[in-house]
Amino acid sequence: MSKIDRLLQRYDDLVTLPWSATDAGPQRVWLVVYDKADERRIRVRLTEFETATKKAGHTWIPVDLTDAFARWMGTQDYREAYFAEPDTLAMKLPRFHAWLVDQVRGELASPDAAHGVVALSGVAALFGLARVSGLVNDLAPHIRGRMVVFFPGSREENNFHLLDARDGWNYHAVAITAHDETEVA
């Protein structure tokens, strides 16, 4: 069985379990952790995660963050100046983060999200622009169903490393990996 097949199986096992209404926000976050080299393979198979979710009786709300920065930048009045002097952009990144939180929070507020899965893909595109840890922390209180984050990187105990490059962040979520059993990290 391939690594992706194992991830799908473990996801299927988890999504079919009864969901507790008393879980705290961080416990409603599922991190599908996979090797960064498998990003395209995961993307091609996202529909299989969707199928497993729907088969379990839940809705699937996909949120692709790949072009989030470009969409945000397109709304900025001074975008040309930022490209001319990229160092000035650093002070605007907290605004990008806030915009990103608002975008995903809108999906989390949809009626279907109460008993569904909001699936974040493309988080690797945030590298250097926004921290996935900050995004997840800010969104956790707003999760009514479940939020799955497709996370290209690694996990060591409770520490998650996006693209294996950053200092890890300690988070209490359900980790779904191909290397060991699905467990609360």
Protein backbone atom coordinates (compact mmCIF):
# COMPACT_ATOMS: atom_id res chain seq x y z
CA MET A 1 0.00 0.00 0.00
CA SER A 2 1.39 3.42 -0.97
CA LYS A 3 1.84 6.27 1.51
CA ILE A 4 -1.07 8.14 -0.03
CA ASP A 5 -3.28 5.05 0.17
CA ARG A 6 -2.39 4.73 3.88
CA LEU A 7 -3.27 8.40 4.44
CA LEU A 8 -6.59 7.90 2.69
CA GLN A 9 -7.34 4.79 4.73
CA ARG A 10 -6.52 6.55 7.99
CA TYR A 11 -8.58 9.56 6.98
CA ASP A 12 -11.49 7.28 6.08
CA ASP A 13 -11.19 5.55 9.45
CA LEU A 14 -11.32 8.90 11.24
CA VAL A 15 -14.05 10.61 9.24
CA THR A 16 -16.44 7.69 9.81
CA LEU A 17 -16.15 7.87 13.61
CA PRO A 18 -18.86 9.75 15.51
CA TRP A 19 -17.95 13.40 16.13
CA SER A 20 -18.17 14.75 19.64
CA ALA A 21 -19.96 18.07 19.91
CA THR A 22 -17.91 18.87 23.00
CA ASP A 23 -14.49 18.80 21.32
CA ALA A 24 -12.57 22.05 21.65
CA GLY A 25 -11.52 23.92 18.50
CA PRO A 26 -7.99 22.49 18.38
CA GLN A 27 -9.42 18.97 18.65
CA ARG A 28 -11.55 19.65 15.58
CA VAL A 29 -8.43 20.22 13.47
CA TRP A 30 -7.06 17.28 11.53
CA LEU A 31 -3.59 17.62 10.02
CA VAL A 32 -2.90 15.27 7.13
CA VAL A 33 0.89 15.25 7.31
CA TYR A 34 2.84 14.01 4.33
CA ASP A 35 6.25 14.38 2.74
CA LYS A 36 6.60 17.65 0.84
CA ALA A 37 7.62 15.66 -2.24
CA ASP A 38 4.11 14.15 -2.28
CA GLU A 39 2.28 17.48 -2.63
CA ARG A 40 1.22 16.92 -6.24
CA ARG A 41 0.22 13.33 -5.54
CA ILE A 42 -2.00 14.49 -2.68
CA ARG A 43 -3.55 17.24 -4.82
CA VAL A 44 -4.46 14.76 -7.54
CA ARG A 45 -6.18 12.57 -4.96
CA LEU A 46 -8.09 15.21 -2.98
CA THR A 47 -11.30 13.98 -4.60
CA GLU A 48 -10.77 10.65 -2.84
CA PHE A 49 -10.69 12.43 0.53
CA GLU A 50 -13.87 14.23 -0.53
CA THR A 51 -15.51 10.93 -1.47
CA ALA A 52 -14.61 9.40 1.91
CA THR A 53 -16.06 12.45 3.66
CA LYS A 54 -19.33 12.34 1.72
CA LYS A 55 -19.60 8.56 2.15
CA ALA A 56 -19.43 9.18 5.92
CA GLY A 57 -22.39 11.56 5.62
CA HIS A 58 -20.52 14.86 5.89
CA THR A 59 -20.18 17.77 3.51
CA TRP A 60 -16.83 18.70 1.96
CA ILE A 61 -15.89 22.36 1.61
CA PRO A 62 -12.58 22.76 -0.27
CA VAL A 63 -10.46 25.86 0.34
CA ASP A 64 -7.37 26.10 -1.86
CA LEU A 65 -4.89 28.65 -0.51
CA THR A 66 -2.42 28.31 -3.37
CA ASP A 67 -3.26 31.68 -4.89
CA ALA A 68 -4.43 33.42 -1.69
CA PHE A 69 -1.49 35.81 -1.61
CA ALA A 70 -1.99 36.78 -5.25
CA ARG A 71 -5.71 37.38 -4.65
CA TRP A 72 -4.95 39.53 -1.60
CA MET A 73 -2.19 41.42 -3.37
CA GLY A 74 -4.59 42.16 -6.22
CA THR A 75 -6.75 44.11 -3.76
CA GLN A 76 -3.89 46.32 -2.56
CA ASP A 77 -3.77 49.91 -3.82
CA TYR A 78 0.03 50.11 -3.56
CA ARG A 79 0.90 46.69 -4.95
CA GLU A 80 3.21 48.15 -7.60
CA ALA A 81 5.21 49.90 -4.89
CA TYR A 82 5.52 46.63 -2.97
CA PHE A 83 6.97 44.93 -6.02
CA ALA A 84 9.38 47.82 -6.55
CA GLU A 85 10.48 47.65 -2.89
CA PRO A 86 9.67 44.17 -1.56
CA ASP A 87 11.07 44.98 1.89
CA THR A 88 8.10 47.29 2.47
CA LEU A 89 5.75 44.35 2.07
CA ALA A 90 6.90 42.73 5.34
CA MET A 91 4.98 45.27 7.40
CA LYS A 92 1.78 44.45 5.45
CA LEU A 93 1.93 40.68 6.02
CA PRO A 94 -0.16 40.88 9.23
CA ARG A 95 -2.92 42.36 7.06
CA PHE A 96 -2.56 39.43 4.67
CA HIS A 97 -2.87 37.05 7.63
CA ALA A 98 -6.04 38.82 8.83
CA TRP A 99 -7.49 38.70 5.31
CA LEU A 100 -6.67 35.00 5.08
CA VAL A 101 -8.35 34.28 8.41
CA ASP A 102 -11.45 36.17 7.25
CA GLN A 103 -11.58 34.21 3.99
CA VAL A 104 -11.44 30.81 5.69
CA ARG A 105 -13.67 31.92 8.56
CA GLY A 106 -16.32 32.73 5.97
CA GLU A 107 -16.22 29.11 4.81
CA LEU A 108 -16.32 27.86 8.41
CA ALA A 109 -19.47 29.94 8.96
CA SER A 110 -21.35 28.38 6.05
CA PRO A 111 -24.34 26.23 7.04
CA ASP A 112 -22.73 23.12 5.54
CA ALA A 113 -19.64 23.51 7.73
CA ALA A 114 -21.52 22.73 10.94
CA HIS A 115 -21.50 19.01 10.11
CA GLY A 116 -18.89 19.02 7.41
CA VAL A 117 -15.20 19.18 6.70
CA VAL A 118 -13.54 22.42 5.60
CA ALA A 119 -10.46 21.19 3.73
CA LEU A 120 -7.46 23.52 3.44
CA SER A 121 -5.00 22.69 0.68
CA GLY A 122 -2.17 24.75 -0.79
CA VAL A 123 -0.76 25.77 2.60
CA ALA A 124 2.79 25.41 1.28
CA ALA A 125 2.16 28.58 -0.76
CA LEU A 126 1.93 30.48 2.53
CA PHE A 127 5.54 29.72 3.41
CA GLY A 128 7.36 32.95 4.18
CA LEU A 129 4.13 34.98 4.00
CA ALA A 130 1.94 33.63 6.80
CA ARG A 131 2.37 30.98 9.44
CA VAL A 132 0.10 27.97 9.19
CA SER A 133 0.29 27.72 12.98
CA GLY A 134 -1.13 31.23 13.38
CA LEU A 135 -3.82 30.54 10.82
CA VAL A 136 -4.92 27.33 12.54
CA ASN A 137 -4.85 28.96 15.98
CA ASP A 138 -6.97 31.87 14.80
CA LEU A 139 -9.48 29.61 13.05
CA ALA A 140 -9.84 26.92 15.74
CA PRO A 141 -12.49 28.78 17.79
CA HIS A 142 -14.68 29.07 14.68
CA ILE A 143 -14.69 25.38 13.68
CA ARG A 144 -18.11 23.79 14.15
CA GLY A 145 -17.56 20.57 12.20
CA ARG A 146 -13.98 19.63 11.33
CA MET A 147 -11.16 21.39 9.50
CA VAL A 148 -8.59 19.26 7.72
CA VAL A 149 -5.29 20.85 6.75
CA PHE A 150 -3.25 19.10 4.06
CA PHE A 151 0.18 19.72 5.54
CA PRO A 152 3.34 19.06 3.48
CA GLY A 153 6.02 18.63 6.08
CA SER A 154 6.77 16.49 9.07
CA ARG A 155 5.69 15.79 12.60
CA GLU A 156 7.81 14.86 15.58
CA GLU A 157 5.56 14.10 18.54
CA ASN A 158 3.49 17.30 18.91
CA ASN A 159 5.75 19.46 16.72
CA PHE A 160 4.80 20.15 13.12
CA HIS A 161 7.28 21.48 10.55
CA LEU A 162 5.91 23.00 7.33
CA LEU A 163 8.09 21.94 4.39
CA ASP A 164 10.54 20.56 6.98
CA ALA A 165 12.11 24.03 7.08
CA ARG A 166 10.71 26.05 9.96
CA ASP A 167 11.03 25.65 13.64
CA GLY A 168 8.20 23.39 14.58
CA TRP A 169 5.07 24.51 16.29
CA ASN A 170 3.48 22.53 19.05
CA TYR A 171 -0.18 21.90 18.41
CA HIS A 172 -2.87 19.66 19.80
CA ALA A 173 -4.62 18.36 16.73
CA VAL A 174 -5.43 15.00 15.29
CA ALA A 175 -2.46 14.03 13.15
CA ILE A 176 -3.02 11.73 10.21
CA THR A 177 0.22 10.31 8.90
CA ALA A 178 1.32 7.41 6.75
CA HIS A 179 4.07 6.48 9.23
CA ASP A 180 2.18 5.69 12.39
CA GLU A 181 -1.31 5.36 13.73
CA THR A 182 -3.66 8.33 13.64
CA GLU A 183 -3.51 9.94 17.04
CA VAL A 184 -4.08 13.13 18.90
CA ALA A 185 -0.79 14.96 18.82
